[in-house]
PDB file of N, CA and C in Angstrom:
ATOM      1  N   UNK A   1      10.165 -21.895 -16.726  1.00  0.00           N
ATOM      2  CA  UNK A   1       9.073 -21.934 -17.669  1.00  0.00           C
ATOM      3  C   UNK A   1       9.637 -22.209 -19.053  1.00  0.00           C
ATOM      4  N   UNK A   2       9.091 -23.203 -19.664  1.00  0.00           N
ATOM      5  CA  UNK A   2       9.500 -23.528 -21.026  1.00  0.00           C
ATOM      6  C   UNK A   2       8.309 -23.346 -21.957  1.00  0.00           C
ATOM      7  N   UNK A   3       8.449 -22.406 -22.863  1.00  0.00           N
ATOM      8  CA  UNK A   3       7.388 -22.163 -23.839  1.00  0.00           C
ATOM      9  C   UNK A   3       7.720 -22.912 -25.119  1.00  0.00           C
ATOM     10  N   UNK A   4       6.690 -23.381 -25.784  1.00  0.00           N
ATOM     11  CA  UNK A   4       6.888 -24.141 -27.017  1.00  0.00           C
ATOM     12  C   UNK A   4       7.339 -23.242 -28.160  1.00  0.00           C
ATOM     13  N   UNK A   5       6.833 -22.021 -28.188  1.00  0.00           N
ATOM     14  CA  UNK A   5       7.228 -21.077 -29.236  1.00  0.00           C
ATOM     15  C   UNK A   5       7.450 -19.699 -28.629  1.00  0.00           C
ATOM     16  N   UNK A   6       8.146 -18.887 -29.384  1.00  0.00           N
ATOM     17  CA  UNK A   6       8.392 -17.507 -28.953  1.00  0.00           C
ATOM     18  C   UNK A   6       7.088 -16.708 -28.931  1.00  0.00           C
ATOM     19  N   UNK A   7       6.162 -17.028 -29.840  1.00  0.00           N
ATOM     20  CA  UNK A   7       4.864 -16.339 -29.871  1.00  0.00           C
ATOM     21  C   UNK A   7       4.057 -16.607 -28.607  1.00  0.00           C
ATOM     22  N   UNK A   8       4.104 -17.852 -28.108  1.00  0.00           N
ATOM     23  CA  UNK A   8       3.407 -18.177 -26.857  1.00  0.00           C
ATOM     24  C   UNK A   8       4.009 -17.403 -25.689  1.00  0.00           C
ATOM     25  N   UNK A   9       5.323 -17.288 -25.699  1.00  0.00           N
ATOM     26  CA  UNK A   9       6.005 -16.547 -24.633  1.00  0.00           C
ATOM     27  C   UNK A   9       5.571 -15.080 -24.638  1.00  0.00           C
ATOM     28  N   UNK A  10       5.527 -14.473 -25.818  1.00  0.00           N
ATOM     29  CA  UNK A  10       5.113 -13.073 -25.919  1.00  0.00           C
ATOM     30  C   UNK A  10       3.653 -12.899 -25.512  1.00  0.00           C
ATOM     31  N   UNK A  11       2.796 -13.828 -25.921  1.00  0.00           N
ATOM     32  CA  UNK A  11       1.374 -13.754 -25.567  1.00  0.00           C
ATOM     33  C   UNK A  11       1.190 -13.896 -24.056  1.00  0.00           C
ATOM     34  N   UNK A  12       1.959 -14.812 -23.450  1.00  0.00           N
ATOM     35  CA  UNK A  12       1.893 -15.016 -22.003  1.00  0.00           C
ATOM     36  C   UNK A  12       2.247 -13.724 -21.270  1.00  0.00           C
ATOM     37  N   UNK A  13       3.347 -13.085 -21.648  1.00  0.00           N
ATOM     38  CA  UNK A  13       3.785 -11.878 -20.955  1.00  0.00           C
ATOM     39  C   UNK A  13       2.869 -10.701 -21.238  1.00  0.00           C
ATOM     40  N   UNK A  14       2.280 -10.655 -22.436  1.00  0.00           N
ATOM     41  CA  UNK A  14       1.304  -9.606 -22.736  1.00  0.00           C
ATOM     42  C   UNK A  14       0.087  -9.760 -21.817  1.00  0.00           C
ATOM     43  N   UNK A  15      -0.406 -11.000 -21.674  1.00  0.00           N
ATOM     44  CA  UNK A  15      -1.544 -11.248 -20.781  1.00  0.00           C
ATOM     45  C   UNK A  15      -1.181 -10.965 -19.325  1.00  0.00           C
ATOM     46  N   UNK A  16       0.042 -11.316 -18.944  1.00  0.00           N
ATOM     47  CA  UNK A  16       0.513 -11.064 -17.583  1.00  0.00           C
ATOM     48  C   UNK A  16       0.530  -9.562 -17.306  1.00  0.00           C
ATOM     49  N   UNK A  17       1.038  -8.779 -18.240  1.00  0.00           N
ATOM     50  CA  UNK A  17       1.088  -7.327 -18.046  1.00  0.00           C
ATOM     51  C   UNK A  17      -0.305  -6.711 -18.001  1.00  0.00           C
ATOM     52  N   UNK A  18      -1.250  -7.275 -18.734  1.00  0.00           N
ATOM     53  CA  UNK A  18      -2.632  -6.796 -18.658  1.00  0.00           C
ATOM     54  C   UNK A  18      -3.189  -7.006 -17.252  1.00  0.00           C
ATOM     55  N   UNK A  19      -2.952  -8.195 -16.701  1.00  0.00           N
ATOM     56  CA  UNK A  19      -3.427  -8.505 -15.349  1.00  0.00           C
ATOM     57  C   UNK A  19      -2.807  -7.541 -14.338  1.00  0.00           C
ATOM     58  N   UNK A  20      -1.496  -7.371 -14.410  1.00  0.00           N
ATOM     59  CA  UNK A  20      -0.798  -6.481 -13.483  1.00  0.00           C
ATOM     60  C   UNK A  20      -1.311  -5.051 -13.628  1.00  0.00           C
ATOM     61  N   UNK A  21      -1.494  -4.599 -14.855  1.00  0.00           N
ATOM     62  CA  UNK A  21      -1.980  -3.242 -15.092  1.00  0.00           C
ATOM     63  C   UNK A  21      -3.365  -3.002 -14.515  1.00  0.00           C
ATOM     64  N   UNK A  22      -4.261  -3.957 -14.717  1.00  0.00           N
ATOM     65  CA  UNK A  22      -5.627  -3.815 -14.194  1.00  0.00           C
ATOM     66  C   UNK A  22      -5.619  -3.806 -12.668  1.00  0.00           C
ATOM     67  N   UNK A  23      -4.886  -4.736 -12.067  1.00  0.00           N
ATOM     68  CA  UNK A  23      -4.866  -4.817 -10.605  1.00  0.00           C
ATOM     69  C   UNK A  23      -4.206  -3.591  -9.977  1.00  0.00           C
ATOM     70  N   UNK A  24      -3.130  -3.096 -10.575  1.00  0.00           N
ATOM     71  CA  UNK A  24      -2.504  -1.882 -10.046  1.00  0.00           C
ATOM     72  C   UNK A  24      -3.410  -0.667 -10.226  1.00  0.00           C
ATOM     73  N   UNK A  25      -4.165  -0.642 -11.305  1.00  0.00           N
ATOM     74  CA  UNK A  25      -5.125   0.452 -11.509  1.00  0.00           C
ATOM     75  C   UNK A  25      -6.209   0.437 -10.440  1.00  0.00           C
ATOM     76  N   UNK A  26      -6.682  -0.753 -10.101  1.00  0.00           N
ATOM     77  CA  UNK A  26      -7.685  -0.878  -9.039  1.00  0.00           C
ATOM     78  C   UNK A  26      -7.105  -0.389  -7.718  1.00  0.00           C
ATOM     79  N   UNK A  27      -5.892  -0.831  -7.407  1.00  0.00           N
ATOM     80  CA  UNK A  27      -5.266  -0.423  -6.156  1.00  0.00           C
ATOM     81  C   UNK A  27      -5.061   1.092  -6.122  1.00  0.00           C
ATOM     82  N   UNK A  28      -4.606   1.667  -7.233  1.00  0.00           N
ATOM     83  CA  UNK A  28      -4.405   3.109  -7.302  1.00  0.00           C
ATOM     84  C   UNK A  28      -5.727   3.846  -7.104  1.00  0.00           C
ATOM     85  N   UNK A  29      -6.769   3.368  -7.771  1.00  0.00           N
ATOM     86  CA  UNK A  29      -8.077   4.023  -7.663  1.00  0.00           C
ATOM     87  C   UNK A  29      -8.588   3.994  -6.228  1.00  0.00           C
ATOM     88  N   UNK A  30      -8.397   2.869  -5.562  1.00  0.00           N
ATOM     89  CA  UNK A  30      -8.875   2.756  -4.182  1.00  0.00           C
ATOM     90  C   UNK A  30      -8.019   3.605  -3.245  1.00  0.00           C
ATOM     91  N   UNK A  31      -6.704   3.489  -3.353  1.00  0.00           N
ATOM     92  CA  UNK A  31      -5.848   4.209  -2.405  1.00  0.00           C
ATOM     93  C   UNK A  31      -5.843   5.713  -2.673  1.00  0.00           C
ATOM     94  N   UNK A  32      -5.741   6.121  -3.914  1.00  0.00           N
ATOM     95  CA  UNK A  32      -5.710   7.549  -4.230  1.00  0.00           C
ATOM     96  C   UNK A  32      -7.117   8.133  -4.271  1.00  0.00           C
ATOM     97  N   UNK A  33      -8.018   7.423  -4.935  1.00  0.00           N
ATOM     98  CA  UNK A  33      -9.385   7.929  -5.077  1.00  0.00           C
ATOM     99  C   UNK A  33     -10.121   7.993  -3.756  1.00  0.00           C
ATOM    100  N   UNK A  34     -10.169   6.871  -3.052  1.00  0.00           N
ATOM    101  CA  UNK A  34     -10.925   6.825  -1.797  1.00  0.00           C
ATOM    102  C   UNK A  34     -10.199   7.553  -0.671  1.00  0.00           C
ATOM    103  N   UNK A  35      -8.879   7.523  -0.683  1.00  0.00           N
ATOM    104  CA  UNK A  35      -8.128   8.137   0.407  1.00  0.00           C
ATOM    105  C   UNK A  35      -7.874   9.620   0.244  1.00  0.00           C
ATOM    106  N   UNK A  36      -7.952  10.125  -1.005  1.00  0.00           N
ATOM    107  CA  UNK A  36      -7.620  11.534  -1.236  1.00  0.00           C
ATOM    108  C   UNK A  36      -8.731  12.273  -1.988  1.00  0.00           C
ATOM    109  N   UNK A  37      -9.095  11.769  -3.160  1.00  0.00           N
ATOM    110  CA  UNK A  37     -10.037  12.506  -4.016  1.00  0.00           C
ATOM    111  C   UNK A  37     -11.457  12.550  -3.468  1.00  0.00           C
ATOM    112  N   UNK A  38     -11.947  11.421  -2.989  1.00  0.00           N
ATOM    113  CA  UNK A  38     -13.338  11.336  -2.544  1.00  0.00           C
ATOM    114  C   UNK A  38     -13.471  11.302  -1.027  1.00  0.00           C
ATOM    115  N   UNK A  39     -12.450  11.785  -0.330  1.00  0.00           N
ATOM    116  CA  UNK A  39     -12.441  11.703   1.125  1.00  0.00           C
ATOM    117  C   UNK A  39     -13.606  12.477   1.746  1.00  0.00           C
ATOM    118  N   UNK A  40     -13.931  13.624   1.201  1.00  0.00           N
ATOM    119  CA  UNK A  40     -15.020  14.425   1.785  1.00  0.00           C
ATOM    120  C   UNK A  40     -16.368  13.721   1.665  1.00  0.00           C
ATOM    121  N   UNK A  41     -16.622  13.110   0.518  1.00  0.00           N
ATOM    122  CA  UNK A  41     -17.879  12.383   0.333  1.00  0.00           C
ATOM    123  C   UNK A  41     -17.918  11.131   1.206  1.00  0.00           C
ATOM    124  N   UNK A  42     -16.788  10.431   1.287  1.00  0.00           N
ATOM    125  CA  UNK A  42     -16.744   9.203   2.086  1.00  0.00           C
ATOM    126  C   UNK A  42     -16.819   9.481   3.582  1.00  0.00           C
ATOM    127  N   UNK A  43     -16.366  10.639   4.005  1.00  0.00           N
ATOM    128  CA  UNK A  43     -16.394  10.960   5.432  1.00  0.00           C
ATOM    129  C   UNK A  43     -17.806  11.145   5.974  1.00  0.00           C
ATOM    130  N   UNK A  44     -18.805  11.165   5.104  1.00  0.00           N
ATOM    131  CA  UNK A  44     -20.197  11.198   5.559  1.00  0.00           C
ATOM    132  C   UNK A  44     -20.622   9.866   6.161  1.00  0.00           C
ATOM    133  N   UNK A  45     -19.834   8.831   5.931  1.00  0.00           N
ATOM    134  CA  UNK A  45     -20.093   7.493   6.478  1.00  0.00           C
ATOM    135  C   UNK A  45     -18.965   7.147   7.433  1.00  0.00           C
ATOM    136  N   UNK A  46     -19.208   6.153   8.281  1.00  0.00           N
ATOM    137  CA  UNK A  46     -18.143   5.759   9.201  1.00  0.00           C
ATOM    138  C   UNK A  46     -18.023   4.244   9.268  1.00  0.00           C
ATOM    139  N   UNK A  47     -16.812   3.817   9.585  1.00  0.00           N
ATOM    140  CA  UNK A  47     -16.512   2.399   9.804  1.00  0.00           C
ATOM    141  C   UNK A  47     -15.818   2.311  11.154  1.00  0.00           C
ATOM    142  N   UNK A  48     -16.421   1.597  12.077  1.00  0.00           N
ATOM    143  CA  UNK A  48     -15.830   1.451  13.401  1.00  0.00           C
ATOM    144  C   UNK A  48     -15.651   2.772  14.131  1.00  0.00           C
ATOM    145  N   UNK A  49     -16.508   3.738  13.857  1.00  0.00           N
ATOM    146  CA  UNK A  49     -16.423   5.026  14.521  1.00  0.00           C
ATOM    147  C   UNK A  49     -15.490   6.025  13.851  1.00  0.00           C
ATOM    148  N   UNK A  50     -14.816   5.622  12.780  1.00  0.00           N
ATOM    149  CA  UNK A  50     -13.907   6.507  12.061  1.00  0.00           C
ATOM    150  C   UNK A  50     -14.530   6.924  10.740  1.00  0.00           C
ATOM    151  N   UNK A  51     -14.265   8.140  10.290  1.00  0.00           N
ATOM    152  CA  UNK A  51     -14.778   8.553   8.981  1.00  0.00           C
ATOM    153  C   UNK A  51     -14.257   7.602   7.897  1.00  0.00           C
ATOM    154  N   UNK A  52     -15.124   7.251   6.959  1.00  0.00           N
ATOM    155  CA  UNK A  52     -14.774   6.260   5.946  1.00  0.00           C
ATOM    156  C   UNK A  52     -13.584   6.701   5.083  1.00  0.00           C
ATOM    157  N   UNK A  53     -13.477   7.985   4.769  1.00  0.00           N
ATOM    158  CA  UNK A  53     -12.335   8.475   3.994  1.00  0.00           C
ATOM    159  C   UNK A  53     -11.024   8.254   4.725  1.00  0.00           C
ATOM    160  N   UNK A  54     -11.014   8.550   6.020  1.00  0.00           N
ATOM    161  CA  UNK A  54      -9.826   8.316   6.843  1.00  0.00           C
ATOM    162  C   UNK A  54      -9.514   6.830   6.905  1.00  0.00           C
ATOM    163  N   UNK A  55     -10.561   6.013   7.080  1.00  0.00           N
ATOM    164  CA  UNK A  55     -10.367   4.568   7.175  1.00  0.00           C
ATOM    165  C   UNK A  55      -9.738   4.027   5.898  1.00  0.00           C
ATOM    166  N   UNK A  56     -10.241   4.457   4.734  1.00  0.00           N
ATOM    167  CA  UNK A  56      -9.669   3.989   3.472  1.00  0.00           C
ATOM    168  C   UNK A  56      -8.218   4.419   3.331  1.00  0.00           C
ATOM    169  N   UNK A  57      -7.907   5.631   3.733  1.00  0.00           N
ATOM    170  CA  UNK A  57      -6.533   6.110   3.632  1.00  0.00           C
ATOM    171  C   UNK A  57      -5.600   5.314   4.540  1.00  0.00           C
ATOM    172  N   UNK A  58      -6.080   4.911   5.721  1.00  0.00           N
ATOM    173  CA  UNK A  58      -5.229   4.230   6.688  1.00  0.00           C
ATOM    174  C   UNK A  58      -5.264   2.707   6.584  1.00  0.00           C
ATOM    175  N   UNK A  59      -6.433   2.128   6.344  1.00  0.00           N
ATOM    176  CA  UNK A  59      -6.579   0.674   6.376  1.00  0.00           C
ATOM    177  C   UNK A  59      -7.108   0.083   5.074  1.00  0.00           C
ATOM    178  N   UNK A  60      -8.083   0.734   4.481  1.00  0.00           N
ATOM    179  CA  UNK A  60      -8.783   0.171   3.332  1.00  0.00           C
ATOM    180  C   UNK A  60      -7.879  -0.150   2.166  1.00  0.00           C
ATOM    181  N   UNK A  61      -6.943   0.747   1.848  1.00  0.00           N
ATOM    182  CA  UNK A  61      -6.037   0.510   0.730  1.00  0.00           C
ATOM    183  C   UNK A  61      -5.159  -0.714   0.989  1.00  0.00           C
ATOM    184  N   UNK A  62      -4.777  -0.919   2.230  1.00  0.00           N
ATOM    185  CA  UNK A  62      -3.962  -2.088   2.579  1.00  0.00           C
ATOM    186  C   UNK A  62      -4.775  -3.362   2.419  1.00  0.00           C
ATOM    187  N   UNK A  63      -6.017  -3.361   2.891  1.00  0.00           N
ATOM    188  CA  UNK A  63      -6.878  -4.535   2.738  1.00  0.00           C
ATOM    189  C   UNK A  63      -7.122  -4.851   1.271  1.00  0.00           C
ATOM    190  N   UNK A  64      -7.373  -3.820   0.488  1.00  0.00           N
ATOM    191  CA  UNK A  64      -7.593  -4.036  -0.948  1.00  0.00           C
ATOM    192  C   UNK A  64      -6.331  -4.613  -1.583  1.00  0.00           C
ATOM    193  N   UNK A  65      -5.162  -4.117  -1.199  1.00  0.00           N
ATOM    194  CA  UNK A  65      -3.908  -4.632  -1.748  1.00  0.00           C
ATOM    195  C   UNK A  65      -3.737  -6.113  -1.421  1.00  0.00           C
ATOM    196  N   UNK A  66      -4.013  -6.508  -0.200  1.00  0.00           N
ATOM    197  CA  UNK A  66      -3.892  -7.922   0.184  1.00  0.00           C
ATOM    198  C   UNK A  66      -4.874  -8.779  -0.614  1.00  0.00           C
ATOM    199  N   UNK A  67      -6.096  -8.298  -0.786  1.00  0.00           N
ATOM    200  CA  UNK A  67      -7.080  -9.032  -1.590  1.00  0.00           C
ATOM    201  C   UNK A  67      -6.588  -9.153  -3.031  1.00  0.00           C
ATOM    202  N   UNK A  68      -6.012  -8.078  -3.568  1.00  0.00           N
ATOM    203  CA  UNK A  68      -5.509  -8.112  -4.936  1.00  0.00           C
ATOM    204  C   UNK A  68      -4.351  -9.095  -5.096  1.00  0.00           C
ATOM    205  N   UNK A  69      -3.574  -9.306  -4.050  1.00  0.00           N
ATOM    206  CA  UNK A  69      -2.510 -10.311  -4.111  1.00  0.00           C
ATOM    207  C   UNK A  69      -3.113 -11.691  -4.316  1.00  0.00           C
ATOM    208  N   UNK A  70      -4.167 -12.014  -3.575  1.00  0.00           N
ATOM    209  CA  UNK A  70      -4.830 -13.310  -3.747  1.00  0.00           C
ATOM    210  C   UNK A  70      -5.475 -13.425  -5.127  1.00  0.00           C
ATOM    211  N   UNK A  71      -6.077 -12.346  -5.600  1.00  0.00           N
ATOM    212  CA  UNK A  71      -6.668 -12.344  -6.943  1.00  0.00           C
ATOM    213  C   UNK A  71      -5.577 -12.577  -7.985  1.00  0.00           C
ATOM    214  N   UNK A  72      -4.434 -11.919  -7.811  1.00  0.00           N
ATOM    215  CA  UNK A  72      -3.320 -12.077  -8.749  1.00  0.00           C
ATOM    216  C   UNK A  72      -2.835 -13.525  -8.799  1.00  0.00           C
ATOM    217  N   UNK A  73      -2.668 -14.150  -7.646  1.00  0.00           N
ATOM    218  CA  UNK A  73      -2.187 -15.535  -7.649  1.00  0.00           C
ATOM    219  C   UNK A  73      -3.185 -16.457  -8.339  1.00  0.00           C
ATOM    220  N   UNK A  74      -4.456 -16.218  -8.131  1.00  0.00           N
ATOM    221  CA  UNK A  74      -5.482 -17.041  -8.783  1.00  0.00           C
ATOM    222  C   UNK A  74      -5.470 -16.833 -10.302  1.00  0.00           C
ATOM    223  N   UNK A  75      -5.412 -15.573 -10.725  1.00  0.00           N
ATOM    224  CA  UNK A  75      -5.382 -15.276 -12.157  1.00  0.00           C
ATOM    225  C   UNK A  75      -4.117 -15.805 -12.824  1.00  0.00           C
ATOM    226  N   UNK A  76      -2.999 -15.723 -12.129  1.00  0.00           N
ATOM    227  CA  UNK A  76      -1.751 -16.233 -12.704  1.00  0.00           C
ATOM    228  C   UNK A  76      -1.763 -17.751 -12.793  1.00  0.00           C
ATOM    229  N   UNK A  77      -2.403 -18.421 -11.839  1.00  0.00           N
ATOM    230  CA  UNK A  77      -2.555 -19.871 -11.936  1.00  0.00           C
ATOM    231  C   UNK A  77      -3.340 -20.256 -13.176  1.00  0.00           C
ATOM    232  N   UNK A  78      -4.413 -19.524 -13.433  1.00  0.00           N
ATOM    233  CA  UNK A  78      -5.208 -19.777 -14.645  1.00  0.00           C
ATOM    234  C   UNK A  78      -4.389 -19.501 -15.900  1.00  0.00           C
ATOM    235  N   UNK A  79      -3.639 -18.403 -15.875  1.00  0.00           N
ATOM    236  CA  UNK A  79      -2.825 -18.049 -17.036  1.00  0.00           C
ATOM    237  C   UNK A  79      -1.748 -19.101 -17.283  1.00  0.00           C
ATOM    238  N   UNK A  80      -1.107 -19.572 -16.221  1.00  0.00           N
ATOM    239  CA  UNK A  80      -0.097 -20.620 -16.358  1.00  0.00           C
ATOM    240  C   UNK A  80      -0.687 -21.882 -16.967  1.00  0.00           C
ATOM    241  N   UNK A  81      -1.877 -22.269 -16.510  1.00  0.00           N
ATOM    242  CA  UNK A  81      -2.528 -23.457 -17.075  1.00  0.00           C
ATOM    243  C   UNK A  81      -2.896 -23.245 -18.537  1.00  0.00           C
ATOM    244  N   UNK A  82      -3.353 -22.041 -18.857  1.00  0.00           N
ATOM    245  CA  UNK A  82      -3.738 -21.726 -20.242  1.00  0.00           C
ATOM    246  C   UNK A  82      -2.557 -21.901 -21.194  1.00  0.00           C
ATOM    247  N   UNK A  83      -1.377 -21.485 -20.761  1.00  0.00           N
ATOM    248  CA  UNK A  83      -0.192 -21.557 -21.612  1.00  0.00           C
ATOM    249  C   UNK A  83       0.662 -22.797 -21.336  1.00  0.00           C
ATOM    250  N   UNK A  84       0.216 -23.658 -20.444  1.00  0.00           N
ATOM    251  CA  UNK A  84       0.924 -24.909 -20.177  1.00  0.00           C
ATOM    252  C   UNK A  84       2.254 -24.741 -19.481  1.00  0.00           C
ATOM    253  N   UNK A  85       2.354 -23.761 -18.607  1.00  0.00           N
ATOM    254  CA  UNK A  85       3.614 -23.527 -17.894  1.00  0.00           C
ATOM    255  C   UNK A  85       3.432 -23.582 -16.379  1.00  0.00           C
ATOM    256  N   UNK A  86       2.375 -24.277 -15.926  1.00  0.00           N
ATOM    257  CA  UNK A  86       2.128 -24.346 -14.487  1.00  0.00           C
ATOM    258  C   UNK A  86       3.196 -25.199 -13.813  1.00  0.00           C
ATOM    259  N   UNK A  87       3.414 -24.897 -12.546  1.00  0.00           N
ATOM    260  CA  UNK A  87       4.394 -25.642 -11.766  1.00  0.00           C
ATOM    261  C   UNK A  87       3.796 -26.975 -11.349  1.00  0.00           C
ATOM    262  N   UNK A  88       4.628 -28.013 -11.385  1.00  0.00           N
ATOM    263  CA  UNK A  88       4.182 -29.353 -11.027  1.00  0.00           C
ATOM    264  C   UNK A  88       4.991 -29.813  -9.823  1.00  0.00           C
ATOM    265  N   UNK A  89       4.285 -30.317  -8.790  1.00  0.00           N
ATOM    266  CA  UNK A  89       4.974 -30.865  -7.624  1.00  0.00           C
ATOM    267  C   UNK A  89       5.648 -32.168  -8.010  1.00  0.00           C
ATOM    268  N   UNK A  90       6.911 -32.286  -7.656  1.00  0.00           N
ATOM    269  CA  UNK A  90       7.652 -33.509  -7.954  1.00  0.00           C
ATOM    270  C   UNK A  90       7.856 -34.283  -6.662  1.00  0.00           C
ATOM    271  N   UNK A  91       6.834 -35.040  -6.271  1.00  0.00           N
ATOM    272  CA  UNK A  91       6.909 -35.820  -5.028  1.00  0.00           C
ATOM    273  C   UNK A  91       7.063 -37.274  -5.348  1.00  0.00           C
TER     274      UNK A  91
END
């Protein structure tokens, strides 16, 4: 990545850290909140015959993490284009 100025580089990494912070906060809220804090309330519902709190603790947090990976790649593509540092195929 080649930035035109040091200010652009700092702005890029500041925006990158914001994205990472928000996505990790979402993952934490889902895995800790749904799997531990709100398990009793969620267990009133079921998914596939399992209590929803148990399901989130075992499967839901993993699914959310995988979705967040795709969201991250999409957001980083936009960020790269915004700062002019996107990767170009050399074919």
